[in-house]
């Protein structure tokens, strides 16, 4: 699957990837060894966002993220 993230906020990208996997916030948290609150905070743009975490999760589920500069 390919997702072009240039039109979306990181939190929207994060949530989209989780939804594509069919996992709940709690299930994703367990798979990446984080808390459910960590997943929720990233989806709501509450915490400082780390793109490396997003890439790690995308790679786990074989989702390619392309960032295209305009």
PDB file of N, CA and C in Angstrom:
ATOM      1  N   UNK A   1       0.847  -1.172   0.000  1.00  0.00           N
ATOM      2  CA  UNK A   1       0.000   0.000   0.000  1.00  0.00           C
ATOM      3  C   UNK A   1       0.890   1.232   0.000  1.00  0.00           C
ATOM      4  N   UNK A   2       0.486   2.249  -0.705  1.00  0.00           N
ATOM      5  CA  UNK A   2       1.239   3.502  -0.746  1.00  0.00           C
ATOM      6  C   UNK A   2       0.352   4.620  -0.214  1.00  0.00           C
ATOM      7  N   UNK A   3       0.943   5.495   0.581  1.00  0.00           N
ATOM      8  CA  UNK A   3       0.201   6.617   1.139  1.00  0.00           C
ATOM      9  C   UNK A   3       1.041   7.868   0.963  1.00  0.00           C
ATOM     10  N   UNK A   4       0.504   8.861   0.286  1.00  0.00           N
ATOM     11  CA  UNK A   4       1.220  10.122   0.078  1.00  0.00           C
ATOM     12  C   UNK A   4       0.850  11.066   1.216  1.00  0.00           C
ATOM     13  N   UNK A   5       1.814  11.286   2.091  1.00  0.00           N
ATOM     14  CA  UNK A   5       1.548  12.001   3.338  1.00  0.00           C
ATOM     15  C   UNK A   5       1.672  13.514   3.223  1.00  0.00           C
ATOM     16  N   UNK A   6       2.004  14.035   2.059  1.00  0.00           N
ATOM     17  CA  UNK A   6       2.273  15.468   1.968  1.00  0.00           C
ATOM     18  C   UNK A   6       1.042  16.347   2.190  1.00  0.00           C
ATOM     19  N   UNK A   7      -0.156  15.812   2.043  1.00  0.00           N
ATOM     20  CA  UNK A   7      -1.370  16.613   2.210  1.00  0.00           C
ATOM     21  C   UNK A   7      -2.007  16.453   3.589  1.00  0.00           C
ATOM     22  N   UNK A   8      -1.355  15.728   4.476  1.00  0.00           N
ATOM     23  CA  UNK A   8      -1.954  15.407   5.756  1.00  0.00           C
ATOM     24  C   UNK A   8      -1.032  15.774   6.905  1.00  0.00           C
ATOM     25  N   UNK A   9      -1.643  16.107   8.026  1.00  0.00           N
ATOM     26  CA  UNK A   9      -0.865  16.323   9.247  1.00  0.00           C
ATOM     27  C   UNK A   9      -0.330  14.966   9.698  1.00  0.00           C
ATOM     28  N   UNK A  10       0.797  14.956  10.403  1.00  0.00           N
ATOM     29  CA  UNK A  10       1.337  13.684  10.889  1.00  0.00           C
ATOM     30  C   UNK A  10       0.324  12.875  11.693  1.00  0.00           C
ATOM     31  N   UNK A  11      -0.497  13.552  12.494  1.00  0.00           N
ATOM     32  CA  UNK A  11      -1.485  12.820  13.300  1.00  0.00           C
ATOM     33  C   UNK A  11      -2.500  12.103  12.413  1.00  0.00           C
ATOM     34  N   UNK A  12      -2.893  12.728  11.308  1.00  0.00           N
ATOM     35  CA  UNK A  12      -3.837  12.102  10.384  1.00  0.00           C
ATOM     36  C   UNK A  12      -3.190  10.904   9.698  1.00  0.00           C
ATOM     37  N   UNK A  13      -1.914  11.036   9.359  1.00  0.00           N
ATOM     38  CA  UNK A  13      -1.177   9.937   8.735  1.00  0.00           C
ATOM     39  C   UNK A  13      -1.079   8.763   9.699  1.00  0.00           C
ATOM     40  N   UNK A  14      -0.757   9.066  10.942  1.00  0.00           N
ATOM     41  CA  UNK A  14      -0.626   8.036  11.965  1.00  0.00           C
ATOM     42  C   UNK A  14      -1.940   7.265  12.121  1.00  0.00           C
ATOM     43  N   UNK A  15      -3.036   7.996  12.225  1.00  0.00           N
ATOM     44  CA  UNK A  15      -4.345   7.355  12.402  1.00  0.00           C
ATOM     45  C   UNK A  15      -4.727   6.539  11.169  1.00  0.00           C
ATOM     46  N   UNK A  16      -4.444   7.069   9.998  1.00  0.00           N
ATOM     47  CA  UNK A  16      -4.760   6.370   8.754  1.00  0.00           C
ATOM     48  C   UNK A  16      -4.040   5.021   8.701  1.00  0.00           C
ATOM     49  N   UNK A  17      -2.763   5.028   9.046  1.00  0.00           N
ATOM     50  CA  UNK A  17      -1.999   3.783   9.022  1.00  0.00           C
ATOM     51  C   UNK A  17      -2.594   2.773   9.995  1.00  0.00           C
ATOM     52  N   UNK A  18      -2.936   3.223  11.199  1.00  0.00           N
ATOM     53  CA  UNK A  18      -3.529   2.292  12.165  1.00  0.00           C
ATOM     54  C   UNK A  18      -4.836   1.727  11.637  1.00  0.00           C
ATOM     55  N   UNK A  19      -5.666   2.582  11.074  1.00  0.00           N
ATOM     56  CA  UNK A  19      -6.952   2.121  10.561  1.00  0.00           C
ATOM     57  C   UNK A  19      -6.777   1.137   9.403  1.00  0.00           C
ATOM     58  N   UNK A  20      -5.760   1.356   8.579  1.00  0.00           N
ATOM     59  CA  UNK A  20      -5.493   0.434   7.467  1.00  0.00           C
ATOM     60  C   UNK A  20      -5.100  -0.946   7.961  1.00  0.00           C
ATOM     61  N   UNK A  21      -4.491  -1.008   9.111  1.00  0.00           N
ATOM     62  CA  UNK A  21      -4.079  -2.297   9.660  1.00  0.00           C
ATOM     63  C   UNK A  21      -5.256  -3.034  10.295  1.00  0.00           C
ATOM     64  N   UNK A  22      -6.335  -2.289  10.583  1.00  0.00           N
ATOM     65  CA  UNK A  22      -7.496  -2.886  11.226  1.00  0.00           C
ATOM     66  C   UNK A  22      -7.332  -3.066  12.726  1.00  0.00           C
ATOM     67  N   UNK A  23      -6.293  -2.452  13.280  1.00  0.00           N
ATOM     68  CA  UNK A  23      -6.029  -2.582  14.711  1.00  0.00           C
ATOM     69  C   UNK A  23      -6.686  -1.465  15.511  1.00  0.00           C
ATOM     70  N   UNK A  24      -7.031  -1.792  16.735  1.00  0.00           N
ATOM     71  CA  UNK A  24      -7.486  -0.751  17.660  1.00  0.00           C
ATOM     72  C   UNK A  24      -6.256  -0.022  18.187  1.00  0.00           C
ATOM     73  N   UNK A  25      -6.480   1.075  18.886  1.00  0.00           N
ATOM     74  CA  UNK A  25      -5.364   1.798  19.497  1.00  0.00           C
ATOM     75  C   UNK A  25      -4.621   0.895  20.472  1.00  0.00           C
ATOM     76  N   UNK A  26      -5.359   0.128  21.241  1.00  0.00           N
ATOM     77  CA  UNK A  26      -4.743  -0.758  22.229  1.00  0.00           C
ATOM     78  C   UNK A  26      -3.927  -1.865  21.562  1.00  0.00           C
ATOM     79  N   UNK A  27      -4.456  -2.433  20.495  1.00  0.00           N
ATOM     80  CA  UNK A  27      -3.736  -3.502  19.795  1.00  0.00           C
ATOM     81  C   UNK A  27      -2.438  -2.987  19.174  1.00  0.00           C
ATOM     82  N   UNK A  28      -2.509  -1.804  18.566  1.00  0.00           N
ATOM     83  CA  UNK A  28      -1.298  -1.221  17.981  1.00  0.00           C
ATOM     84  C   UNK A  28      -0.274  -0.916  19.063  1.00  0.00           C
ATOM     85  N   UNK A  29      -0.727  -0.372  20.158  1.00  0.00           N
ATOM     86  CA  UNK A  29       0.176  -0.048  21.267  1.00  0.00           C
ATOM     87  C   UNK A  29       0.940  -1.291  21.718  1.00  0.00           C
ATOM     88  N   UNK A  30       0.244  -2.401  21.844  1.00  0.00           N
ATOM     89  CA  UNK A  30       0.901  -3.644  22.263  1.00  0.00           C
ATOM     90  C   UNK A  30       1.933  -4.095  21.242  1.00  0.00           C
ATOM     91  N   UNK A  31       1.617  -3.970  19.972  1.00  0.00           N
ATOM     92  CA  UNK A  31       2.528  -4.444  18.917  1.00  0.00           C
ATOM     93  C   UNK A  31       3.791  -3.610  18.816  1.00  0.00           C
ATOM     94  N   UNK A  32       3.712  -2.328  19.195  1.00  0.00           N
ATOM     95  CA  UNK A  32       4.905  -1.458  19.106  1.00  0.00           C
ATOM     96  C   UNK A  32       5.491  -1.152  20.476  1.00  0.00           C
ATOM     97  N   UNK A  33       4.979  -1.848  21.488  1.00  0.00           N
ATOM     98  CA  UNK A  33       5.497  -1.709  22.851  1.00  0.00           C
ATOM     99  C   UNK A  33       5.377  -0.271  23.378  1.00  0.00           C
ATOM    100  N   UNK A  34       4.216   0.302  23.159  1.00  0.00           N
ATOM    101  CA  UNK A  34       3.898   1.643  23.648  1.00  0.00           C
ATOM    102  C   UNK A  34       2.570   1.568  24.391  1.00  0.00           C
ATOM    103  N   UNK A  35       2.197   2.661  25.029  1.00  0.00           N
ATOM    104  CA  UNK A  35       0.914   2.695  25.731  1.00  0.00           C
ATOM    105  C   UNK A  35      -0.206   3.099  24.766  1.00  0.00           C
ATOM    106  N   UNK A  36      -1.438   2.734  25.144  1.00  0.00           N
ATOM    107  CA  UNK A  36      -2.600   3.160  24.355  1.00  0.00           C
ATOM    108  C   UNK A  36      -2.664   4.682  24.335  1.00  0.00           C
ATOM    109  N   UNK A  37      -2.304   5.309  25.438  1.00  0.00           N
ATOM    110  CA  UNK A  37      -2.305   6.770  25.517  1.00  0.00           C
ATOM    111  C   UNK A  37      -1.316   7.375  24.513  1.00  0.00           C
ATOM    112  N   UNK A  38      -0.187   6.714  24.296  1.00  0.00           N
ATOM    113  CA  UNK A  38       0.804   7.182  23.321  1.00  0.00           C
ATOM    114  C   UNK A  38       0.188   7.191  21.931  1.00  0.00           C
ATOM    115  N   UNK A  39      -0.517   6.102  21.575  1.00  0.00           N
ATOM    116  CA  UNK A  39      -1.164   6.013  20.262  1.00  0.00           C
ATOM    117  C   UNK A  39      -2.218   7.113  20.139  1.00  0.00           C
ATOM    118  N   UNK A  40      -3.058   7.233  21.144  1.00  0.00           N
ATOM    119  CA  UNK A  40      -4.130   8.237  21.130  1.00  0.00           C
ATOM    120  C   UNK A  40      -3.566   9.657  21.010  1.00  0.00           C
ATOM    121  N   UNK A  41      -2.522   9.944  21.751  1.00  0.00           N
ATOM    122  CA  UNK A  41      -1.911  11.277  21.723  1.00  0.00           C
ATOM    123  C   UNK A  41      -1.332  11.598  20.352  1.00  0.00           C
ATOM    124  N   UNK A  42      -0.721  10.606  19.707  1.00  0.00           N
ATOM    125  CA  UNK A  42      -0.186  10.823  18.367  1.00  0.00           C
ATOM    126  C   UNK A  42      -1.287  11.057  17.353  1.00  0.00           C
ATOM    127  N   UNK A  43      -2.401  10.391  17.523  1.00  0.00           N
ATOM    128  CA  UNK A  43      -3.520  10.559  16.592  1.00  0.00           C
ATOM    129  C   UNK A  43      -4.223  11.898  16.787  1.00  0.00           C
ATOM    130  N   UNK A  44      -4.101  12.473  17.954  1.00  0.00           N
ATOM    131  CA  UNK A  44      -4.785  13.735  18.249  1.00  0.00           C
ATOM    132  C   UNK A  44      -3.847  14.930  18.218  1.00  0.00           C
ATOM    133  N   UNK A  45      -2.607  14.719  17.807  1.00  0.00           N
ATOM    134  CA  UNK A  45      -1.626  15.809  17.728  1.00  0.00           C
ATOM    135  C   UNK A  45      -1.366  16.443  19.088  1.00  0.00           C
ATOM    136  N   UNK A  46      -1.470  15.657  20.153  1.00  0.00           N
ATOM    137  CA  UNK A  46      -1.296  16.173  21.507  1.00  0.00           C
ATOM    138  C   UNK A  46       0.177  16.181  21.907  1.00  0.00           C
ATOM    139  N   UNK A  47       0.901  15.154  21.528  1.00  0.00           N
ATOM    140  CA  UNK A  47       2.303  15.035  21.919  1.00  0.00           C
ATOM    141  C   UNK A  47       3.216  15.436  20.778  1.00  0.00           C
ATOM    142  N   UNK A  48       4.474  15.623  21.125  1.00  0.00           N
ATOM    143  CA  UNK A  48       5.461  15.907  20.088  1.00  0.00           C
ATOM    144  C   UNK A  48       5.549  14.684  19.191  1.00  0.00           C
ATOM    145  N   UNK A  49       5.479  14.900  17.936  1.00  0.00           N
ATOM    146  CA  UNK A  49       5.405  13.827  16.967  1.00  0.00           C
ATOM    147  C   UNK A  49       6.796  13.417  16.499  1.00  0.00           C
ATOM    148  N   UNK A  50       7.046  12.139  16.451  1.00  0.00           N
ATOM    149  CA  UNK A  50       8.316  11.616  15.961  1.00  0.00           C
ATOM    150  C   UNK A  50       8.076  10.830  14.683  1.00  0.00           C
ATOM    151  N   UNK A  51       8.541  11.370  13.584  1.00  0.00           N
ATOM    152  CA  UNK A  51       8.334  10.754  12.282  1.00  0.00           C
ATOM    153  C   UNK A  51       8.956   9.361  12.226  1.00  0.00           C
ATOM    154  N   UNK A  52      10.031   9.162  12.955  1.00  0.00           N
ATOM    155  CA  UNK A  52      10.680   7.854  12.971  1.00  0.00           C
ATOM    156  C   UNK A  52       9.723   6.771  13.476  1.00  0.00           C
ATOM    157  N   UNK A  53       8.903   7.127  14.468  1.00  0.00           N
ATOM    158  CA  UNK A  53       7.913   6.161  14.976  1.00  0.00           C
ATOM    159  C   UNK A  53       6.900   5.806  13.896  1.00  0.00           C
ATOM    160  N   UNK A  54       6.465   6.800  13.152  1.00  0.00           N
ATOM    161  CA  UNK A  54       5.504   6.562  12.079  1.00  0.00           C
ATOM    162  C   UNK A  54       6.109   5.646  11.026  1.00  0.00           C
ATOM    163  N   UNK A  55       7.350   5.905  10.645  1.00  0.00           N
ATOM    164  CA  UNK A  55       8.004   5.066   9.641  1.00  0.00           C
ATOM    165  C   UNK A  55       8.172   3.633  10.135  1.00  0.00           C
ATOM    166  N   UNK A  56       8.509   3.493  11.390  1.00  0.00           N
ATOM    167  CA  UNK A  56       8.683   2.169  11.983  1.00  0.00           C
ATOM    168  C   UNK A  56       7.373   1.370  11.913  1.00  0.00           C
ATOM    169  N   UNK A  57       6.292   2.031  12.266  1.00  0.00           N
ATOM    170  CA  UNK A  57       4.984   1.374  12.239  1.00  0.00           C
ATOM    171  C   UNK A  57       4.569   1.066  10.798  1.00  0.00           C
ATOM    172  N   UNK A  58       4.788   2.007   9.900  1.00  0.00           N
ATOM    173  CA  UNK A  58       4.450   1.779   8.494  1.00  0.00           C
ATOM    174  C   UNK A  58       5.235   0.591   7.950  1.00  0.00           C
ATOM    175  N   UNK A  59       6.508   0.513   8.285  1.00  0.00           N
ATOM    176  CA  UNK A  59       7.335  -0.601   7.814  1.00  0.00           C
ATOM    177  C   UNK A  59       6.865  -1.932   8.384  1.00  0.00           C
ATOM    178  N   UNK A  60       6.397  -1.925   9.622  1.00  0.00           N
ATOM    179  CA  UNK A  60       5.884  -3.161  10.230  1.00  0.00           C
ATOM    180  C   UNK A  60       4.752  -3.755   9.411  1.00  0.00           C
ATOM    181  N   UNK A  61       3.963  -2.889   8.807  1.00  0.00           N
ATOM    182  CA  UNK A  61       2.777  -3.326   8.082  1.00  0.00           C
ATOM    183  C   UNK A  61       2.928  -3.181   6.567  1.00  0.00           C
ATOM    184  N   UNK A  62       4.174  -3.007   6.128  1.00  0.00           N
ATOM    185  CA  UNK A  62       4.483  -2.907   4.705  1.00  0.00           C
ATOM    186  C   UNK A  62       3.693  -1.798   4.004  1.00  0.00           C
ATOM    187  N   UNK A  63       3.645  -0.651   4.639  1.00  0.00           N
ATOM    188  CA  UNK A  63       2.990   0.524   4.070  1.00  0.00           C
ATOM    189  C   UNK A  63       4.082   1.523   3.724  1.00  0.00           C
ATOM    190  N   UNK A  64       4.111   1.938   2.471  1.00  0.00           N
ATOM    191  CA  UNK A  64       5.130   2.881   2.009  1.00  0.00           C
ATOM    192  C   UNK A  64       4.590   4.306   2.129  1.00  0.00           C
ATOM    193  N   UNK A  65       5.391   5.172   2.720  1.00  0.00           N
ATOM    194  CA  UNK A  65       5.015   6.579   2.843  1.00  0.00           C
ATOM    195  C   UNK A  65       5.933   7.396   1.952  1.00  0.00           C
ATOM    196  N   UNK A  66       5.359   8.193   1.101  1.00  0.00           N
ATOM    197  CA  UNK A  66       6.143   9.066   0.233  1.00  0.00           C
ATOM    198  C   UNK A  66       5.819  10.512   0.581  1.00  0.00           C
ATOM    199  N   UNK A  67       6.871  11.276   0.756  1.00  0.00           N
ATOM    200  CA  UNK A  67       6.695  12.707   0.993  1.00  0.00           C
ATOM    201  C   UNK A  67       7.208  13.420  -0.235  1.00  0.00           C
ATOM    202  N   UNK A  68       6.332  14.162  -0.849  1.00  0.00           N
ATOM    203  CA  UNK A  68       6.666  14.820  -2.110  1.00  0.00           C
ATOM    204  C   UNK A  68       6.747  16.327  -1.868  1.00  0.00           C
ATOM    205  N   UNK A  69       7.881  16.903  -2.183  1.00  0.00           N
ATOM    206  CA  UNK A  69       8.048  18.346  -2.044  1.00  0.00           C
ATOM    207  C   UNK A  69       7.419  19.029  -3.238  1.00  0.00           C
ATOM    208  N   UNK A  70       6.734  20.117  -2.977  1.00  0.00           N
ATOM    209  CA  UNK A  70       6.083  20.871  -4.060  1.00  0.00           C
ATOM    210  C   UNK A  70       7.001  21.956  -4.554  1.00  0.00           C
TER     211      UNK A  70
END
